[in-house]
């Protein structure tokens, strides 16, 4: 019998261990961060679209 997961909540706390911030971390313009943000936005839009279909 397959298991269906209807909602998955992931929470994370990120702590900078060395106590200093680099210039790229403050600006938040790194390509990796932009890719993560774009993926998150896409997933949220898909969820909202599915909710509107119901």
Protein backbone atom coordinates (compact mmCIF):
# COMPACT_ATOMS: atom_id res chain seq x y z
CA UNK A 1 0.00 0.00 0.00
CA UNK A 2 1.61 3.30 -1.07
CA UNK A 3 2.00 6.16 1.39
CA UNK A 4 0.90 9.61 0.24
CA UNK A 5 2.50 12.68 1.79
CA UNK A 6 0.12 15.61 1.47
CA UNK A 7 2.28 18.23 3.15
CA UNK A 8 5.95 18.41 3.99
CA UNK A 9 7.35 21.20 6.15
CA UNK A 10 11.10 21.75 6.31
CA UNK A 11 12.60 24.30 8.69
CA UNK A 12 16.25 25.21 9.06
CA UNK A 13 18.24 27.56 11.25
CA UNK A 14 21.49 28.74 9.71
CA UNK A 15 24.14 30.08 12.05
CA UNK A 16 27.42 31.53 10.86
CA UNK A 17 30.00 29.79 13.07
CA UNK A 18 32.99 32.12 12.61
CA UNK A 19 31.16 35.34 13.57
CA UNK A 20 32.18 37.33 10.48
CA UNK A 21 30.17 38.07 7.37
CA UNK A 22 31.76 38.19 3.96
CA UNK A 23 30.70 40.69 1.33
CA UNK A 24 28.95 38.06 -0.82
CA UNK A 25 26.91 36.74 2.12
CA UNK A 26 25.62 40.21 2.97
CA UNK A 27 24.64 41.07 -0.61
CA UNK A 28 22.99 37.72 -1.29
CA UNK A 29 23.65 37.89 -5.02
CA UNK A 30 25.58 34.67 -5.44
CA UNK A 31 24.41 32.49 -8.34
CA UNK A 32 23.82 29.53 -6.02
CA UNK A 33 21.47 31.55 -3.81
CA UNK A 34 19.64 32.88 -6.85
CA UNK A 35 19.11 29.32 -8.13
CA UNK A 36 17.75 28.21 -4.74
CA UNK A 37 15.41 31.20 -4.58
CA UNK A 38 14.18 30.57 -8.13
CA UNK A 39 13.49 26.90 -7.31
CA UNK A 40 11.58 27.86 -4.15
CA UNK A 41 9.49 30.41 -6.02
CA UNK A 42 8.66 27.85 -8.70
CA UNK A 43 7.52 25.33 -6.09
CA UNK A 44 5.35 27.91 -4.30
CA UNK A 45 3.73 28.92 -7.59
CA UNK A 46 2.98 25.26 -8.39
CA UNK A 47 1.37 24.78 -4.98
CA UNK A 48 -0.76 27.91 -5.39
CA UNK A 49 -1.80 26.80 -8.88
CA UNK A 50 -2.87 23.38 -7.56
CA UNK A 51 -4.91 25.01 -4.79
CA UNK A 52 -6.74 27.19 -7.31
CA UNK A 53 -7.67 24.12 -9.40
CA UNK A 54 -9.51 22.55 -6.47
